[in-house]
């Protein structure tokens, strides 16, 4: 009887997930493949498992992953907020979208078993530090999440992989392992899923070979030039803004 109940429960989970994966249009002809990842989470896909296939979160189902990227619910488009905050903080918009996809599957009401909240899954203490008064408000959550991610990128010299490992496991865990990705299965799976959604190598850090940031001060702008070498951001020469011509 126990085995039968277990099989029925699994069939129920698969049926629900098929509807999620296929947008509610599952038919009797759809072939579904299932397997479990290293952390025990069930993956449901319409594609056979291959070495390069990575799973992503399913909106509203923390115990299930799929191999198709979820789309924001109807009527909710966070693109403008993502682009604005990413541009303001010098973070790739694709990276922000990938973090939201993996963290919450674009569900602004998502809440994890350990209390992480909203689109970018901010912990209560982190939200408070970032002055996010309502973690379930998409605007506040994305602003806080991107600000936090920018701080991690600065801490780890622009290395996206280390910043994301810290986003998942905490900056202390990365530091304790010699500023390397901690050997945690959950963290490594997390990086693989973000990498799949972000669409570019995480270790490359900043997207451009050289980035310039401006700092306002005493009537002039100072340009700081950075060069990315092997995923590490190296400070170059700084120079004041040239005087206007004419």
Protein backbone atom coordinates (compact mmCIF):
# COMPACT_ATOMS: atom_id res chain seq x y z
CA UNK A 1 0.00 0.00 0.00
CA UNK A 2 2.82 2.41 0.89
CA UNK A 3 4.49 1.75 -2.46
CA UNK A 4 1.21 2.34 -4.28
CA UNK A 5 0.62 5.64 -2.47
CA UNK A 6 4.16 6.70 -3.33
CA UNK A 7 3.61 5.94 -7.02
CA UNK A 8 0.33 7.83 -7.00
CA UNK A 9 1.98 10.81 -5.36
CA UNK A 10 4.74 10.80 -7.96
CA UNK A 11 2.21 10.61 -10.80
CA UNK A 12 0.35 13.56 -9.29
CA UNK A 13 3.54 15.61 -9.07
CA UNK A 14 4.48 14.74 -12.64
CA UNK A 15 0.99 15.63 -13.90
CA UNK A 16 1.05 19.00 -12.19
CA UNK A 17 4.56 19.72 -13.42
CA UNK A 18 3.73 18.77 -16.99
CA UNK A 19 1.04 21.43 -16.93
CA UNK A 20 3.55 23.94 -15.64
CA UNK A 21 6.25 23.01 -18.13
CA UNK A 22 3.97 22.95 -21.14
CA UNK A 23 1.90 25.94 -20.11
CA UNK A 24 -1.18 23.89 -19.29
CA UNK A 25 -1.37 22.28 -22.73
CA UNK A 26 -0.16 18.78 -21.88
CA UNK A 27 -1.66 16.07 -24.06
CA UNK A 28 -1.67 12.30 -24.03
CA UNK A 29 1.02 12.34 -26.73
CA UNK A 30 3.55 14.28 -24.67
CA UNK A 31 6.48 12.14 -23.52
CA UNK A 32 7.82 13.18 -20.14
CA UNK A 33 11.25 12.33 -18.74
CA UNK A 34 12.03 12.56 -15.04
CA UNK A 35 15.18 12.26 -12.94
CA UNK A 36 16.58 13.61 -9.71
CA UNK A 37 19.47 16.03 -9.42
CA UNK A 38 22.30 15.59 -6.93
CA UNK A 39 20.38 17.54 -4.27
CA UNK A 40 17.38 15.21 -4.61
CA UNK A 41 15.04 17.64 -6.41
CA UNK A 42 12.85 16.08 -9.09
CA UNK A 43 13.35 17.31 -12.67
CA UNK A 44 10.57 16.94 -15.22
CA UNK A 45 11.30 17.52 -18.90
CA UNK A 46 10.04 16.82 -22.41
CA UNK A 47 13.69 16.25 -23.37
CA UNK A 48 15.83 13.21 -22.44
CA UNK A 49 18.58 13.90 -19.93
CA UNK A 50 21.92 14.84 -21.49
CA UNK A 51 25.19 15.97 -19.90
CA UNK A 52 24.76 19.59 -20.99
CA UNK A 53 21.10 19.90 -19.92
CA UNK A 54 20.47 21.99 -16.83
CA UNK A 55 17.26 22.45 -14.88
CA UNK A 56 15.59 25.66 -13.78
CA UNK A 57 13.04 26.50 -11.12
CA UNK A 58 9.32 26.05 -11.67
CA UNK A 59 7.08 28.85 -10.47
CA UNK A 60 5.18 27.83 -7.35
CA UNK A 61 6.89 24.43 -7.02
CA UNK A 62 10.03 24.52 -4.89
CA UNK A 63 10.52 20.74 -4.99
CA UNK A 64 10.43 20.48 -8.78
CA UNK A 65 12.60 21.79 -11.61
CA UNK A 66 12.09 21.81 -15.37
CA UNK A 67 14.27 22.28 -18.43
CA UNK A 68 12.31 25.14 -19.95
CA UNK A 69 12.63 28.69 -18.70
CA UNK A 70 9.47 29.94 -17.00
CA UNK A 71 7.92 33.16 -18.24
CA UNK A 72 6.59 35.92 -15.99
CA UNK A 73 2.87 35.54 -15.23
CA UNK A 74 0.46 37.30 -17.57
CA UNK A 75 0.33 41.01 -16.94
CA UNK A 76 3.66 41.07 -15.11
CA UNK A 77 6.72 42.22 -16.99
CA UNK A 78 9.76 43.14 -14.94
CA UNK A 79 12.01 43.95 -17.90
CA UNK A 80 11.99 47.71 -17.36
CA UNK A 81 12.87 47.39 -13.67
CA UNK A 82 15.61 44.85 -14.41
CA UNK A 83 17.15 47.01 -17.13
CA UNK A 84 17.03 50.16 -15.01
CA UNK A 85 18.59 48.62 -11.90
CA UNK A 86 21.14 46.59 -13.86
CA UNK A 87 22.25 49.68 -15.76
CA UNK A 88 22.40 51.78 -12.59
CA UNK A 89 24.67 49.28 -10.85
CA UNK A 90 26.70 48.10 -13.83
CA UNK A 91 25.43 44.50 -13.75
CA UNK A 92 24.54 42.55 -16.89
CA UNK A 93 20.72 42.50 -17.30
CA UNK A 94 21.00 38.89 -18.52
CA UNK A 95 22.63 37.96 -15.23
CA UNK A 96 19.88 39.62 -13.19
CA UNK A 97 17.20 37.84 -15.21
CA UNK A 98 19.01 34.51 -14.74
CA UNK A 99 19.21 35.01 -10.97
CA UNK A 100 15.49 35.80 -10.83
CA UNK A 101 14.69 32.76 -12.96
CA UNK A 102 16.67 30.39 -10.77
CA UNK A 103 15.74 31.98 -7.45
CA UNK A 104 11.98 32.39 -7.90
CA UNK A 105 10.95 31.51 -11.46
CA UNK A 106 9.67 35.11 -11.73
CA UNK A 107 7.17 34.65 -8.90
CA UNK A 108 7.13 37.89 -6.84
CA UNK A 109 5.34 36.08 -3.99
CA UNK A 110 7.87 33.25 -3.75
CA UNK A 111 9.07 32.32 -0.28
CA UNK A 112 11.67 29.63 0.44
CA UNK A 113 11.57 27.18 3.37
CA UNK A 114 14.31 29.22 5.08
CA UNK A 115 12.46 32.52 4.68
CA UNK A 116 14.00 34.05 1.53
CA UNK A 117 11.47 36.31 -0.14
CA UNK A 118 10.37 37.62 -3.50
CA UNK A 119 11.86 37.64 -6.98
CA UNK A 120 15.52 37.66 -5.92
CA UNK A 121 14.88 35.72 -2.70
CA UNK A 122 16.16 38.23 -0.16
CA UNK A 123 16.66 37.03 3.38
CA UNK A 124 15.00 39.22 6.06
CA UNK A 125 18.32 40.56 7.37
CA UNK A 126 19.61 41.34 3.89
CA UNK A 127 16.35 43.07 2.97
CA UNK A 128 16.54 45.20 6.12
CA UNK A 129 20.17 46.16 5.41
CA UNK A 130 19.18 47.20 1.89
CA UNK A 131 16.18 49.21 3.17
CA UNK A 132 13.72 46.97 1.38
CA UNK A 133 10.52 47.46 3.37
CA UNK A 134 8.39 45.13 1.23
CA UNK A 135 10.39 42.20 -0.22
CA UNK A 136 7.34 41.09 -2.20
CA UNK A 137 7.18 44.37 -4.12
CA UNK A 138 8.99 43.66 -7.42
CA UNK A 139 10.48 47.16 -7.65
CA UNK A 140 11.97 47.08 -4.15
CA UNK A 141 13.06 43.47 -4.40
CA UNK A 142 14.93 43.87 -7.68
CA UNK A 143 16.52 47.11 -6.49
CA UNK A 144 17.72 45.41 -3.31
CA UNK A 145 18.80 42.21 -5.04
CA UNK A 146 20.83 43.99 -7.72
CA UNK A 147 22.41 46.27 -5.10
CA UNK A 148 23.44 43.20 -3.09
CA UNK A 149 24.74 41.44 -6.20
CA UNK A 150 26.78 44.53 -7.15
CA UNK A 151 28.33 44.54 -3.69
CA UNK A 152 29.34 40.89 -4.08
CA UNK A 153 30.83 41.58 -7.52
CA UNK A 154 32.91 44.38 -6.01
CA UNK A 155 34.01 42.16 -3.13
CA UNK A 156 35.18 39.44 -5.50
CA UNK A 157 36.82 41.70 -8.09
CA UNK A 158 34.07 41.42 -10.68
CA UNK A 159 34.12 37.60 -10.79
CA UNK A 160 30.51 36.63 -11.47
CA UNK A 161 30.98 33.00 -10.49
CA UNK A 162 32.31 33.86 -7.03
CA UNK A 163 29.70 36.59 -6.56
CA UNK A 164 26.91 34.16 -7.40
CA UNK A 165 28.40 31.47 -5.16
CA UNK A 166 28.32 34.06 -2.38
CA UNK A 167 24.73 35.00 -3.30
CA UNK A 168 23.78 31.36 -2.81
CA UNK A 169 26.01 30.16 0.02
CA UNK A 170 27.03 33.44 1.63
CA UNK A 171 30.22 35.49 1.20
CA UNK A 172 31.68 33.93 4.33
CA UNK A 173 31.53 30.47 2.78
CA UNK A 174 33.40 31.66 -0.30
CA UNK A 175 36.03 33.37 1.86
CA UNK A 176 36.50 30.26 4.03
CA UNK A 177 37.30 28.25 0.90
CA UNK A 178 40.07 30.59 -0.21
CA UNK A 179 37.85 32.72 -2.45
CA UNK A 180 36.86 29.67 -4.46
CA UNK A 181 33.43 28.22 -5.17
CA UNK A 182 32.49 26.17 -2.07
CA UNK A 183 32.27 22.41 -2.72
CA UNK A 184 28.55 22.35 -1.96
CA UNK A 185 26.33 20.40 -4.32
CA UNK A 186 23.54 22.95 -4.00
CA UNK A 187 25.85 25.84 -4.85
CA UNK A 188 27.40 24.09 -7.84
CA UNK A 189 23.96 23.18 -9.17
CA UNK A 190 22.88 26.79 -8.62
CA UNK A 191 25.81 28.09 -10.65
CA UNK A 192 25.07 25.65 -13.46
CA UNK A 193 21.44 26.79 -13.65
CA UNK A 194 22.34 30.48 -13.62
CA UNK A 195 25.05 29.89 -16.23
CA UNK A 196 22.48 28.18 -18.46
CA UNK A 197 20.06 31.10 -18.20
CA UNK A 198 22.61 33.93 -18.30
CA UNK A 199 24.00 32.80 -21.65
CA UNK A 200 27.69 33.66 -21.12
CA UNK A 201 30.60 32.32 -19.06
CA UNK A 202 30.32 33.49 -15.46
CA UNK A 203 34.05 33.56 -14.87
CA UNK A 204 34.43 36.29 -17.47
CA UNK A 205 33.12 38.71 -14.88
CA UNK A 206 32.38 42.03 -16.52
CA UNK A 207 31.10 41.88 -20.04
CA UNK A 208 33.59 44.31 -21.56
CA UNK A 209 37.38 44.10 -21.59
CA UNK A 210 37.47 47.56 -20.03
CA UNK A 211 34.79 49.26 -17.95
CA UNK A 212 34.63 52.89 -16.89
CA UNK A 213 32.80 54.21 -13.86
CA UNK A 214 32.40 57.84 -12.94
CA UNK A 215 32.60 59.35 -9.51
CA UNK A 216 31.26 62.85 -8.97
CA UNK A 217 33.36 65.09 -6.83
CA UNK A 218 34.22 68.75 -6.39
CA UNK A 219 33.08 69.93 -9.75
CA UNK A 220 34.82 67.31 -11.87
CA UNK A 221 34.37 63.70 -12.93
CA UNK A 222 37.08 61.15 -12.32
CA UNK A 223 37.22 58.19 -14.64
CA UNK A 224 38.30 54.88 -13.19
CA UNK A 225 39.48 52.42 -15.80
CA UNK A 226 39.23 48.68 -15.16
CA UNK A 227 40.65 45.80 -17.12
CA UNK A 228 39.34 42.26 -16.69
CA UNK A 229 42.03 39.58 -16.72
CA UNK A 230 41.03 35.97 -16.11
CA UNK A 231 37.81 37.07 -14.52
CA UNK A 232 39.47 39.53 -12.10
CA UNK A 233 38.91 43.26 -12.29
CA UNK A 234 42.19 45.20 -12.18
CA UNK A 235 42.26 48.93 -11.53
CA UNK A 236 44.05 50.93 -14.18
CA UNK A 237 45.04 54.57 -14.34
CA UNK A 238 42.66 57.30 -13.32
CA UNK A 239 42.41 60.71 -14.90
CA UNK A 240 40.20 63.78 -14.41
CA UNK A 241 37.63 64.64 -16.99
CA UNK A 242 39.30 66.82 -19.65
CA UNK A 243 38.31 70.46 -19.68
CA UNK A 244 35.58 71.33 -22.16
CA UNK A 245 36.78 72.64 -25.47
CA UNK A 246 36.05 76.04 -26.86
